[in-house]
Each structure stands twice: as structure tokens, then as C-alpha cells.
Protein backbone atom coordinates (compact mmCIF):
# COMPACT_ATOMS: atom_id res chain seq x y z
CA UNK A 1 52.32 99.12 -27.42
CA UNK A 2 52.12 95.72 -28.11
CA UNK A 3 55.13 93.75 -30.13
CA UNK A 4 54.69 93.02 -33.14
CA UNK A 5 54.23 89.10 -33.47
CA UNK A 6 55.24 88.43 -37.04
CA UNK A 7 57.55 84.55 -38.83
CA UNK A 8 58.82 85.55 -41.80
CA UNK A 9 61.42 82.42 -41.21
CA UNK A 10 59.76 79.56 -43.00
CA UNK A 11 59.37 77.08 -40.27
CA UNK A 12 60.42 74.11 -42.67
CA UNK A 13 63.45 75.86 -43.85
CA UNK A 14 64.23 76.41 -40.66
CA UNK A 15 63.80 73.20 -39.38
CA UNK A 16 66.41 71.34 -41.66
CA UNK A 17 69.32 73.50 -40.69
CA UNK A 18 72.13 73.87 -38.09
CA UNK A 19 71.91 77.02 -36.05
CA UNK A 20 74.23 79.40 -34.35
CA UNK A 21 72.59 81.35 -31.44
CA UNK A 22 75.26 84.11 -30.26
CA UNK A 23 74.39 86.62 -26.93
CA UNK A 24 74.81 90.26 -26.06
CA UNK A 25 76.99 92.42 -28.71
CA UNK A 26 75.14 95.50 -27.79
CA UNK A 27 76.26 96.81 -30.62
CA UNK A 28 76.48 100.59 -30.42
CA UNK A 29 77.22 103.29 -32.86
CA UNK A 30 80.86 103.03 -32.74
CA UNK A 31 82.91 100.55 -34.46
CA UNK A 32 83.55 97.24 -32.56
CA UNK A 33 85.64 93.95 -33.10
CA UNK A 34 82.98 91.92 -31.35
CA UNK A 35 80.45 93.01 -35.21
CA UNK A 36 83.86 92.02 -37.02
CA UNK A 37 83.93 88.63 -35.59
CA UNK A 38 80.47 87.75 -35.76
CA UNK A 39 81.02 88.37 -39.40
CA UNK A 40 84.26 85.99 -39.00
CA UNK A 41 82.39 83.73 -37.87
CA UNK A 42 79.30 83.73 -39.83
CA UNK A 43 82.01 83.23 -43.07
CA UNK A 44 82.52 79.83 -41.84
CA UNK A 45 79.19 78.41 -41.02
CA UNK A 46 77.45 80.13 -44.53
CA UNK A 47 74.15 78.31 -44.57
CA UNK A 48 73.32 78.42 -40.55
CA UNK A 49 70.65 80.06 -39.50
CA UNK A 50 71.75 82.96 -37.21
CA UNK A 51 69.95 83.05 -33.91
CA UNK A 52 70.49 86.48 -31.70
CA UNK A 53 69.17 85.63 -28.35
CA UNK A 54 68.96 89.46 -27.47
CA UNK A 55 70.88 92.75 -27.13
CA UNK A 56 72.36 92.79 -29.87
CA UNK A 57 71.79 96.59 -29.87
CA UNK A 58 72.67 98.80 -26.86
CA UNK A 59 69.87 101.02 -26.85
CA UNK A 60 69.52 101.49 -23.41
CA UNK A 61 72.45 104.62 -23.61
CA UNK A 62 69.58 106.17 -26.48
CA UNK A 63 67.24 109.31 -24.74
CA UNK A 64 63.99 108.11 -23.73
CA UNK A 65 62.54 109.76 -26.52
CA UNK A 66 64.75 109.03 -29.44
CA UNK A 67 62.67 105.76 -31.81
CA UNK A 68 64.07 102.46 -31.05
CA UNK A 69 63.61 101.29 -34.80
CA UNK A 70 65.41 104.16 -35.77
CA UNK A 71 68.92 103.81 -33.03
CA UNK A 72 68.73 100.06 -33.93
CA UNK A 73 68.92 101.18 -38.28
CA UNK A 74 71.49 103.92 -36.83
CA UNK A 75 73.67 100.90 -35.09
CA UNK A 76 73.65 98.80 -38.00
CA UNK A 77 74.41 100.84 -40.18
CA UNK A 78 77.78 101.25 -38.80
CA UNK A 79 79.12 97.99 -38.84
CA UNK A 80 79.72 97.75 -42.46
CA UNK A 81 80.93 94.21 -42.56
CA UNK A 82 78.28 92.74 -40.72
CA UNK A 83 75.64 94.49 -42.48
CA UNK A 84 77.14 93.03 -46.31
CA UNK A 85 77.83 89.85 -44.44
CA UNK A 86 73.36 90.01 -43.06
CA UNK A 87 71.97 90.71 -46.26
CA UNK A 88 74.30 88.22 -48.11
CA UNK A 89 72.90 85.73 -45.96
CA UNK A 90 68.85 86.96 -46.14
CA UNK A 91 69.59 86.99 -49.52
CA UNK A 92 70.05 83.17 -50.09
CA UNK A 93 66.91 82.66 -48.13
CA UNK A 94 69.09 81.80 -45.30
CA UNK A 95 67.42 82.76 -41.40
CA UNK A 96 68.31 85.66 -39.52
CA UNK A 97 65.94 86.23 -35.85
CA UNK A 98 66.44 88.76 -33.55
CA UNK A 99 65.29 87.81 -30.08
CA UNK A 100 65.09 91.11 -27.48
CA UNK A 101 67.00 91.86 -24.90
CA UNK A 102 66.01 94.76 -21.73
CA UNK A 103 68.73 97.15 -23.80
CA UNK A 104 67.33 96.53 -27.19
CA UNK A 105 63.26 95.34 -26.65
CA UNK A 106 62.71 98.27 -29.85
CA UNK A 107 63.82 94.90 -31.65
CA UNK A 108 60.17 93.81 -31.30
CA UNK A 109 58.65 96.98 -32.48
CA UNK A 110 56.83 96.96 -35.60
CA UNK A 111 58.60 99.52 -37.55
CA UNK A 112 62.17 97.16 -36.63
CA UNK A 113 61.96 94.83 -39.64
CA UNK A 114 60.91 97.35 -41.93
CA UNK A 115 63.41 99.74 -41.40
CA UNK A 116 66.26 96.23 -41.16
CA UNK A 117 65.35 95.60 -44.51
CA UNK A 118 65.39 98.70 -45.79
CA UNK A 119 69.11 99.16 -44.73
CA UNK A 120 70.00 95.77 -46.05
CA UNK A 121 68.56 96.02 -49.49
CA UNK A 122 66.27 92.81 -49.39
CA UNK A 123 62.67 92.98 -50.20
CA UNK A 124 59.44 91.85 -47.62
CA UNK A 125 60.72 88.22 -48.52
CA UNK A 126 63.86 88.12 -46.91
CA UNK A 127 63.70 85.05 -43.82
CA UNK A 128 64.08 87.51 -41.15
CA UNK A 129 62.65 87.06 -37.26
CA UNK A 130 61.86 89.96 -35.03
CA UNK A 131 60.59 88.34 -31.71
CA UNK A 132 59.79 89.87 -28.02
CA UNK A 133 60.26 86.62 -25.92
CA UNK A 134 61.55 82.96 -27.04
CA UNK A 135 61.85 81.06 -30.67
CA UNK A 136 62.31 77.19 -30.72
CA UNK A 137 64.51 75.42 -32.60
CA UNK A 138 65.00 71.80 -33.28
CA UNK A 139 62.95 71.45 -29.39
CA UNK A 140 65.59 74.09 -27.89
CA UNK A 141 64.27 76.63 -26.00
CA UNK A 142 66.42 80.05 -27.35
CA UNK A 143 65.71 83.63 -25.50
CA UNK A 144 67.81 86.61 -23.63
CA UNK A 145 66.80 85.51 -20.08
CA UNK A 146 65.74 89.08 -18.67
CA UNK A 147 61.87 88.08 -18.07
CA UNK A 148 63.03 85.93 -14.93
CA UNK A 149 65.06 89.50 -13.63
CA UNK A 150 63.44 90.93 -11.52
CA UNK A 151 65.33 94.44 -12.27
CA UNK A 152 64.78 94.07 -15.63
CA UNK A 153 62.39 91.94 -15.81
CA UNK A 154 59.59 93.43 -18.66
CA UNK A 155 55.50 93.74 -17.50
CA UNK A 156 54.97 91.22 -20.27
CA UNK A 157 58.00 89.92 -22.61
CA UNK A 158 54.53 90.05 -25.16
CA UNK A 159 54.38 94.09 -24.77
CA UNK A 160 56.51 96.85 -25.17
CA UNK A 161 57.44 98.30 -22.40
CA UNK A 162 57.51 102.68 -22.67
CA UNK A 163 59.74 104.53 -21.11
CA UNK A 164 57.44 105.44 -18.44
CA UNK A 165 57.69 101.82 -17.38
CA UNK A 166 60.36 100.26 -18.50
CA UNK A 167 61.99 97.64 -16.05
CA UNK A 168 64.36 99.48 -13.53
CA UNK A 169 67.56 98.43 -14.25
CA UNK A 170 67.61 99.63 -18.32
CA UNK A 171 65.57 102.79 -16.29
CA UNK A 172 69.05 103.68 -13.96
CA UNK A 173 71.23 103.28 -17.75
CA UNK A 174 69.40 105.37 -19.40
CA UNK A 175 68.45 107.92 -16.47
CA UNK A 176 71.63 108.21 -14.39
CA UNK A 177 74.37 106.15 -15.84
CA UNK A 178 74.45 107.63 -20.16
CA UNK A 179 73.77 111.14 -18.53
CA UNK A 180 76.97 110.99 -16.60
CA UNK A 181 78.59 108.87 -18.10
CA UNK A 182 79.20 106.36 -15.23
CA UNK A 183 80.26 103.29 -17.52
CA UNK A 184 81.99 101.66 -14.43
CA UNK A 185 77.83 101.57 -13.10
CA UNK A 186 76.93 100.07 -16.38
CA UNK A 187 75.51 95.77 -15.34
CA UNK A 188 77.57 96.77 -12.06
CA UNK A 189 74.57 95.73 -10.36
CA UNK A 190 75.93 94.14 -7.17
CA UNK A 191 77.66 97.68 -6.52
CA UNK A 192 77.05 98.23 -2.70
CA UNK A 193 76.40 101.96 -1.58
CA UNK A 194 79.92 102.54 0.06
CA UNK A 195 81.84 101.16 -3.13
CA UNK A 196 79.70 102.64 -5.16
CA UNK A 197 80.41 106.28 -3.04
CA UNK A 198 84.24 105.35 -3.46
CA UNK A 199 84.45 105.00 -7.29
CA UNK A 200 82.39 108.50 -7.24
CA UNK A 201 84.83 109.89 -5.19
CA UNK A 202 87.79 108.12 -7.04
CA UNK A 203 85.87 108.99 -10.38
CA UNK A 204 84.47 112.33 -10.15
CA UNK A 205 86.88 113.91 -7.77
CA UNK A 206 85.11 117.46 -8.20
CA UNK A 207 81.85 116.53 -9.93
CA UNK A 208 81.14 113.70 -7.51
CA UNK A 209 78.40 115.91 -5.01
CA UNK A 210 76.86 116.73 -8.71
CA UNK A 211 76.77 113.14 -9.68
CA UNK A 212 75.91 112.28 -6.14
CA UNK A 213 73.02 114.58 -6.14
CA UNK A 214 72.04 112.92 -9.67
CA UNK A 215 72.24 109.26 -8.60
CA UNK A 216 69.33 110.86 -5.56
CA UNK A 217 67.20 112.87 -7.77
CA UNK A 218 66.63 109.62 -10.58
CA UNK A 219 66.60 107.41 -8.16
CA UNK A 220 64.19 109.06 -5.69
CA UNK A 221 62.29 109.38 -9.08
CA UNK A 222 62.18 105.74 -9.96
CA UNK A 223 60.87 105.46 -6.81
CA UNK A 224 58.14 107.76 -7.14
CA UNK A 225 57.08 106.33 -10.10
CA UNK A 226 56.90 102.85 -8.81
CA UNK A 227 53.81 104.06 -7.61
CA UNK A 228 52.50 106.56 -10.26
CA UNK A 229 52.49 104.82 -12.95
CA UNK A 230 51.52 101.38 -11.57
CA UNK A 231 48.03 100.87 -13.44
CA UNK A 232 50.38 101.54 -16.89
CA UNK A 233 52.74 98.98 -16.22
CA UNK A 234 49.35 96.35 -15.43
CA UNK A 235 47.64 98.36 -18.33
CA UNK A 236 50.61 96.71 -20.71
CA UNK A 237 51.07 93.57 -18.97
CA UNK A 238 46.66 92.81 -19.89
CA UNK A 239 48.00 94.06 -23.60
CA UNK A 240 50.61 91.24 -23.60
CA UNK A 241 48.02 89.04 -22.70
CA UNK A 242 45.59 89.16 -25.18
CA UNK A 243 47.92 88.08 -27.86
CA UNK A 244 49.38 85.01 -26.20
CA UNK A 245 47.04 82.70 -28.75
CA UNK A 246 48.57 84.49 -31.39
CA UNK A 247 52.22 84.00 -29.97
CA UNK A 248 51.51 80.68 -29.45
CA UNK A 249 50.69 80.25 -33.23
CA UNK A 250 53.96 82.83 -34.51
CA UNK A 251 56.41 79.74 -32.96
CA UNK A 252 53.67 76.53 -33.20
CA UNK A 253 54.74 76.69 -29.36
CA UNK A 254 51.30 74.80 -27.17
CA UNK A 255 49.58 78.19 -25.40
CA UNK A 256 50.03 75.37 -22.40
CA UNK A 257 54.04 76.26 -22.01
CA UNK A 258 53.80 79.62 -22.72
CA UNK A 259 51.57 79.84 -19.49
CA UNK A 260 53.78 77.79 -17.46
CA UNK A 261 56.70 79.93 -19.06
CA UNK A 262 54.23 83.49 -17.62
CA UNK A 263 54.31 82.25 -14.30
CA UNK A 264 57.70 81.47 -13.82
CA UNK A 265 59.21 85.21 -14.75
CA UNK A 266 59.91 87.51 -12.35
CA UNK A 267 58.11 89.91 -10.51
CA UNK A 268 59.12 93.43 -11.84
CA UNK A 269 61.30 95.55 -9.32
CA UNK A 270 59.71 98.67 -10.66
CA UNK A 271 56.40 97.42 -9.84
CA UNK A 272 56.36 98.21 -6.08
CA UNK A 273 57.62 101.16 -4.25
CA UNK A 274 59.28 98.66 -1.29
CA UNK A 275 61.32 96.91 -4.27
CA UNK A 276 62.32 99.43 -5.90
CA UNK A 277 63.58 102.04 -2.20
CA UNK A 278 64.67 98.71 -0.97
CA UNK A 279 66.57 97.93 -4.35
CA UNK A 280 68.16 101.27 -4.64
CA UNK A 281 69.74 100.69 -1.36
CA UNK A 282 67.85 103.49 0.09
CA UNK A 283 67.40 101.88 3.38
CA UNK A 284 71.03 101.54 4.18
CA UNK A 285 71.73 104.63 2.48
CA UNK A 286 69.42 106.94 5.23
CA UNK A 287 70.78 104.58 7.88
CA UNK A 288 74.22 106.30 6.96
CA UNK A 289 72.55 109.28 7.43
CA UNK A 290 71.01 109.04 10.14
CA UNK A 291 74.26 107.94 12.07
CA UNK A 292 76.28 110.81 10.68
CA UNK A 293 74.00 113.08 12.11
CA UNK A 294 73.45 111.34 15.66
CA UNK A 295 77.28 111.56 15.42
CA UNK A 296 77.23 115.51 14.69
CA UNK A 297 74.41 115.84 17.09
CA UNK A 298 76.47 114.50 20.04
CA UNK A 299 79.34 116.36 19.24
CA UNK A 300 77.68 119.20 20.45
CA UNK A 301 76.93 117.74 23.52
CA UNK A 302 73.55 116.31 22.58
CA UNK A 303 73.77 112.87 24.00
CA UNK A 304 70.25 111.67 22.48
CA UNK A 305 72.72 111.57 19.39
CA UNK A 306 74.39 108.57 20.35
CA UNK A 307 70.99 106.87 20.29
CA UNK A 308 70.25 107.93 16.38
CA UNK A 309 73.76 107.02 15.88
CA UNK A 310 73.42 103.44 17.63
CA UNK A 311 70.08 102.73 15.94
CA UNK A 312 72.32 103.45 12.24
CA UNK A 313 75.04 101.35 12.57
CA UNK A 314 72.37 98.27 14.20
CA UNK A 315 70.42 98.97 10.81
CA UNK A 316 73.75 98.83 8.55
CA UNK A 317 75.17 96.09 10.59
CA UNK A 318 71.74 93.44 10.80
CA UNK A 319 71.33 94.37 6.96
CA UNK A 320 75.02 93.60 5.40
CA UNK A 321 75.05 90.69 7.69
CA UNK A 322 71.45 89.48 6.40
CA UNK A 323 72.88 89.84 2.48
CA UNK A 324 75.97 92.15 2.29
CA UNK A 325 74.91 93.20 -1.61
CA UNK A 326 71.17 92.46 -2.94
CA UNK A 327 71.96 91.64 -7.04
CA UNK A 328 75.38 90.13 -6.41
CA UNK A 329 75.13 86.61 -8.24
CA UNK A 330 71.67 85.72 -8.22
CA UNK A 331 70.59 86.53 -11.83
CA UNK A 332 72.86 83.92 -12.81
CA UNK A 333 71.44 81.76 -10.10
CA UNK A 334 67.70 83.05 -11.10
CA UNK A 335 68.00 82.35 -14.89
CA UNK A 336 69.61 78.43 -14.09
CA UNK A 337 66.58 77.84 -11.78
CA UNK A 338 63.79 79.58 -15.02
CA UNK A 339 65.91 76.81 -17.43
CA UNK A 340 65.59 73.96 -14.76
CA UNK A 341 61.67 74.74 -14.99
CA UNK A 342 61.47 75.04 -18.19
CA UNK A 343 63.08 71.78 -18.40
CA UNK A 344 60.76 69.94 -15.99
CA UNK A 345 57.43 71.16 -17.53
CA UNK A 346 57.99 72.05 -21.05
CA UNK A 347 58.52 69.61 -23.87
CA UNK A 348 61.78 71.44 -24.54
CA UNK A 349 65.05 69.64 -25.50
CA UNK A 350 67.30 72.03 -23.83
CA UNK A 351 67.61 75.70 -23.05
CA UNK A 352 70.02 78.42 -24.24
CA UNK A 353 70.14 81.32 -21.61
CA UNK A 354 72.14 85.30 -22.36
CA UNK A 355 71.81 88.31 -20.31
CA UNK A 356 74.12 87.65 -17.42
CA UNK A 357 77.46 88.16 -19.24
CA UNK A 358 78.47 84.78 -17.34
CA UNK A 359 78.92 81.41 -19.13
CA UNK A 360 77.34 79.24 -17.09
CA UNK A 361 76.40 75.36 -18.14
CA UNK A 362 74.56 72.44 -16.50
CA UNK A 363 72.75 68.97 -17.47
CA UNK A 364 70.56 70.48 -20.33
CA UNK A 365 71.37 74.15 -19.92
CA UNK A 366 73.13 76.71 -21.53
CA UNK A 367 74.42 80.67 -20.98
CA UNK A 368 76.47 81.55 -23.33
CA UNK A 369 77.84 84.50 -21.39
CA UNK A 370 78.04 87.98 -23.96
CA UNK A 371 79.98 87.54 -27.20
CA UNK A 372 81.14 90.65 -27.35
CA UNK A 373 82.34 91.38 -23.07
CA UNK A 374 84.44 88.74 -22.55
CA UNK A 375 86.91 87.22 -19.82
CA UNK A 376 88.32 84.61 -22.30
CA UNK A 377 90.60 84.97 -25.24
CA UNK A 378 87.58 83.55 -27.67
CA UNK A 379 84.16 84.44 -28.06
CA UNK A 380 81.43 81.55 -26.92
CA UNK A 381 78.43 81.00 -28.85
CA UNK A 382 76.34 77.97 -29.96
CA UNK A 383 75.46 75.19 -32.40
CA UNK A 384 72.26 73.69 -32.14
CA UNK A 385 72.04 70.91 -35.35
CA UNK A 386 68.65 69.70 -37.07
CA UNK A 387 68.64 67.01 -33.76
CA UNK A 388 68.67 69.57 -31.37
CA UNK A 389 71.62 68.49 -29.96
CA UNK A 390 73.66 72.26 -28.35
CA UNK A 391 77.01 71.68 -28.76
CA UNK A 392 79.31 75.03 -26.29
CA UNK A 393 81.92 76.95 -28.94
CA UNK A 394 84.06 79.46 -28.92
CA UNK A 395 85.18 81.36 -32.03
CA UNK A 396 88.40 82.70 -32.12
CA UNK A 397 88.90 85.91 -34.35
CA UNK A 398 92.03 85.94 -37.58
């Protein structure tokens, strides 16, 4: 399904305002301090447009059959102070722009805007904008950033994925992390097989074998999906390409800039069997099994078992030496490189991303980190003035 391409905010109105940018609140159906803090921040800036740069809502923990627009309505209704703040601002004509992230791609679904306005008690003319990819404010390019991360990249940034075609990171969260309550692995992309096994044994104890079996079933199914759903993924990508010109007009951004951005996106991991297989560390897992099996055979007096064990150990040593973790700090590096390409190839004055939950800043580029999951006492956000000047700021709750 192609995302609805609407820009309901009045561009002239938005151009005269400063903008607050936040990212990665990951709101759920439970009340949280970050929602209250955002409501407080908005009270301090009553006339600023709010742009949420993705992952405002945490939809990846819902069942595949759950309507994302319905989930978003349910989640926001669980945060009454924030609801009241957003409703009051929109009623006064202060714009709100929601960008889709990898955890809340449903922000751009056809029904989301309608449901949110109904929840907030506002008419269709309210300046609420929902967009699937990015927005420009005073020449500053703002998007979530998952398009440049292979494990979370969409099939096409202008086309909503389905549960059959969603990115690997989202699929693992929905199919393994959520059903097994394995929250220690939520976003823990740097975890290697040995470290993961130790964590599972420590956390689950007697339930560990079942959790491990569930992991293999899920991971194996996702490897198979990379092969069986390939045609569907290609079809979704083609649907997104068909609305490129329309989206260019919606944003007021040259179509050439969109083409440049598309060319710089990551090839999704879930588009290839081998890439998925290797990303889920199946090669190291099989090498470990080969080592254990070989030693078992040797223990029964069969010397050829040492050959099998030796081959397994040799592969593991070579693999770990080449790259201990196949994810580690790569997302931060990839987003930093993507920002540099955007600045060099388009007329953007600056670039703001989120996604990694790690704050970062280089000339012309700012990664907000997460407004919710921060290691600091203060919550990070950005302010963009009408001239395109970006200020990095932090908010302390009352």
C-alpha cells in the first residue's frame, strides 16, 4: 500500500515559524515520563511547529494483524497531557508534523491522520501533517534515518510495508522479542551469538531452551522469507517509485533531490537470503555446532571428529577477527555518511536524523538521539529558526 502523500500544514504558515524537532519517543500504551516531558516542552514554546522525526509510536510490539492506525490512536489516547497539548496547539493553527520511522511506519497509513484528528477532536482542516519519509524546514532536511540502515531500511521510503515484507529489525522485534518478552534484545543489534546465548541462559534459565528454539524458528523463517517474498518486495518498491513526482510536489523539493536520496539509501538486508542468513549469525552458529559435534565424535574414538571441530574453530576465529559484531557502531557511521551525501548533493542547509538513539553532531549534521532513552539527565531536541539555523538543545523535566 502506498503511503498517503498529504501535506496539510500550510507551508507559508510553517515557513514563518521556528520548529522544535524531537525523535524516538517510542510511546506505548503505558504512561511514560517522556510524553509528559514533551508536553512540558511544548508549553515553553507555544508557537513553534513540532516535527517528530520518526518512532513517535512503538508499533513493532503489536501483532502483525493489528491495524497500525488503530494502534496509534490507542497509544496516544494513553497520554492525556500530551493529547491535550497537541489538540490545543493544532486548534490554534500551530502545525504538527509526524514523520514515519521504522517502528511506526503506520504514521503514513491512509487512516492515521483521520483517527488522530478524531481523537483530538479537531476538523480535517487542522494543520496536522503525516509523511512517510522526510520534510524540509527552512532548508533543513529532517527524517528518521532508517532508510540508510540496511537492517531497518524499507522496500521504498514512499511505500508502506506489510508484515510479509517489513525490515529485518522490525520483524525480529515483532516476531521474537515481543512474544518472548525478550526486551534485553530490543535494539541490541551488536549482540553476537555467544553473548546472546549467555544472556538467554542467565535471564530465562529453565525456559532458555524454549526461547532458543523460538529464536531459530523465527530467524529461519525470516531467511526463508527473504527468498519467497522477494517479488512482493520488488512490487512495493515499484509502487513507491510511481508516486515520486507527486511527493516531490507535496514537499516542494526538486524531484532530482529525491532521486539522489533514493540512490543513497541502503539495500535492505531482508531483500537477500545470504544477507539475512549472515546478519542473523547462522554461519557462526553452524560453525559452533560443527565444533561441538566434532569434539563429540572424537570423544567416541573417531579421530576424524577433530577435523570437523578444527574446521569449525578456524571459521569462528577468522569470522570474529574480521568483524566481531556485524552491526556494532555501523548505524551511526552510515547515517553520518548519508548526511554528508545529502549536504553535498542537494541544496539542504543541514540534516537532522534520529533512529540510532545515540546523539551525534558534525558540521551540518545533527543526530538527536532519543527523547525517551537518553543516558543524560536532560532530553535532547533541536530548534530550527526561520532562517534555517539549527540549535542543539536539551530539556530538563520539572
